[in-house]
Amino acid sequence: MLSCCKVLGNFFSMDLDSERRAGTRISTRVPTRVRTAQGTDLNAQTRDVSANGVYFYTHAPIEKGAEVELVLILPPELTSGEKYWVCCQATIVRVEDGGGEFGMAAQIRRMDILPEVAV
């Protein structure tokens, strides 16, 4: 399993058996860091985020079923008005080739709040 940097605590638990797209999706474009189990770091941009999933774009594909770590800022719409840096443990569930850019859907298994990061 991939490990997060300096986790402050568990944000909330995920129901892995929940229906696909059960959570409210928020359309938001935020920069995201993606790390694969093999240690590859990729820059990504989200398209939308929910409590149990995220769709993002990157310039390199990640294999369906791969375990990844995502670090991003959750929009205030998902966190009762506050922005939070989070580290998510997720599984890639769909990969779409957009001709030079790849769209990927990831199911979040765990989400931890991180200390605020200076940008």
Protein backbone atom coordinates (compact mmCIF):
# COMPACT_ATOMS: atom_id res chain seq x y z
CA MET A 1 0.00 0.00 0.00
CA LEU A 2 1.22 3.51 -0.74
CA SER A 3 1.77 5.80 2.20
CA CYS A 4 0.81 9.44 2.64
CA CYS A 5 3.11 12.11 3.94
CA LYS A 6 2.36 13.36 7.50
CA VAL A 7 -1.25 12.36 7.82
CA LEU A 8 -3.22 14.31 10.44
CA GLY A 9 -6.17 11.98 10.61
CA ASN A 10 -8.78 10.02 8.77
CA PHE A 11 -11.16 12.41 6.94
CA PHE A 12 -13.98 9.89 6.71
CA SER A 13 -14.36 6.25 5.83
CA MET A 14 -15.38 5.10 2.37
CA ASP A 15 -17.99 2.48 1.57
CA LEU A 16 -16.31 0.43 -1.15
CA ASP A 17 -19.54 -1.41 -1.91
CA SER A 18 -21.48 1.78 -2.60
CA GLU A 19 -23.15 2.28 -5.94
CA ARG A 20 -21.00 3.78 -8.69
CA ARG A 21 -21.19 7.59 -8.63
CA ALA A 22 -23.26 7.53 -5.46
CA GLY A 23 -21.69 10.74 -4.13
CA THR A 24 -22.31 14.28 -5.28
CA ARG A 25 -19.76 15.20 -7.91
CA ILE A 26 -18.31 18.70 -7.87
CA SER A 27 -16.89 19.98 -11.15
CA THR A 28 -13.55 21.49 -10.22
CA ARG A 29 -10.16 21.82 -11.85
CA VAL A 30 -7.44 21.54 -9.24
CA PRO A 31 -3.82 20.50 -9.70
CA THR A 32 -3.20 17.02 -8.37
CA ARG A 33 -0.09 14.93 -7.72
CA VAL A 34 -0.44 11.26 -8.61
CA ARG A 35 2.01 8.62 -7.39
CA THR A 36 1.85 5.03 -8.60
CA ALA A 37 2.84 1.96 -6.57
CA GLN A 38 5.99 1.80 -8.73
CA GLY A 39 7.00 5.28 -7.50
CA THR A 40 6.16 7.23 -10.67
CA ASP A 41 5.02 10.81 -9.95
CA LEU A 42 2.66 12.49 -12.40
CA ASN A 43 1.04 15.91 -12.52
CA ALA A 44 -2.69 15.83 -13.13
CA GLN A 45 -5.71 18.12 -13.26
CA THR A 46 -9.09 17.09 -11.87
CA ARG A 47 -12.32 17.35 -13.84
CA ASP A 48 -14.59 16.46 -10.93
CA VAL A 49 -14.34 15.19 -7.37
CA SER A 50 -16.74 13.42 -5.01
CA ALA A 51 -16.39 11.83 -1.58
CA ASN A 52 -15.75 8.44 -3.17
CA GLY A 53 -14.10 9.22 -6.49
CA VAL A 54 -12.18 11.59 -8.70
CA TYR A 55 -11.82 12.02 -12.46
CA PHE A 56 -8.53 13.54 -13.60
CA TYR A 57 -6.42 14.17 -16.70
CA THR A 58 -2.72 13.46 -17.13
CA HIS A 59 -0.28 13.05 -20.03
CA ALA A 60 0.64 9.44 -19.25
CA PRO A 61 -1.76 6.52 -18.83
CA ILE A 62 -2.05 4.49 -15.65
CA GLU A 63 -3.26 0.91 -15.96
CA LYS A 64 -6.82 0.11 -14.92
CA GLY A 65 -6.76 -1.56 -11.50
CA ALA A 66 -3.56 0.23 -10.45
CA GLU A 67 -3.27 1.51 -6.89
CA VAL A 68 -2.41 5.22 -6.71
CA GLU A 69 -1.94 7.99 -4.18
CA LEU A 70 -3.51 11.38 -5.00
CA VAL A 71 -2.69 14.65 -3.26
CA LEU A 72 -5.09 17.54 -3.94
CA ILE A 73 -7.19 20.29 -2.39
CA LEU A 74 -10.83 19.34 -1.82
CA PRO A 75 -13.25 22.08 -2.85
CA PRO A 76 -15.30 23.75 -0.08
CA GLU A 77 -18.51 22.26 -1.54
CA LEU A 78 -17.41 18.84 -0.26
CA THR A 79 -16.11 19.97 3.12
CA SER A 80 -18.75 22.26 4.66
CA GLY A 81 -17.12 25.44 3.40
CA GLU A 82 -13.44 24.74 4.12
CA LYS A 83 -10.70 23.81 1.66
CA TYR A 84 -8.58 20.85 2.76
CA TRP A 85 -5.40 19.32 1.41
CA VAL A 86 -5.98 15.58 1.28
CA CYS A 87 -4.05 12.44 0.48
CA CYS A 88 -6.21 9.74 -1.11
CA GLN A 89 -5.49 6.06 -1.58
CA ALA A 90 -7.38 5.09 -4.73
CA THR A 91 -7.79 2.51 -7.48
CA ILE A 92 -7.94 3.41 -11.17
CA VAL A 93 -11.29 2.10 -12.47
CA ARG A 94 -11.40 3.62 -15.97
CA VAL A 95 -8.86 4.99 -18.47
CA GLU A 96 -9.83 6.98 -21.56
CA ASP A 97 -7.35 7.96 -24.30
CA GLY A 98 -8.06 11.52 -25.39
CA GLY A 99 -5.26 11.72 -27.95
CA GLY A 100 -2.27 13.04 -26.03
CA GLU A 101 -4.14 13.39 -22.76
CA PHE A 102 -5.60 10.56 -20.68
CA GLY A 103 -8.74 10.82 -18.59
CA MET A 104 -8.90 8.50 -15.59
CA ALA A 105 -11.54 7.70 -13.01
CA ALA A 106 -10.31 6.59 -9.60
CA GLN A 107 -12.33 5.12 -6.73
CA ILE A 108 -11.16 6.51 -3.40
CA ARG A 109 -10.62 3.90 -0.67
CA ARG A 110 -9.19 6.18 2.00
CA MET A 111 -8.86 9.94 2.40
CA ASP A 112 -6.65 11.65 4.99
CA ILE A 113 -6.37 15.36 5.77
CA LEU A 114 -2.86 16.78 5.35
CA PRO A 115 -1.31 19.82 7.01
CA GLU A 116 -1.80 22.98 4.97
CA VAL A 117 0.82 23.17 2.23
CA ALA A 118 2.31 26.48 1.17
CA VAL A 119 1.85 26.89 -2.56
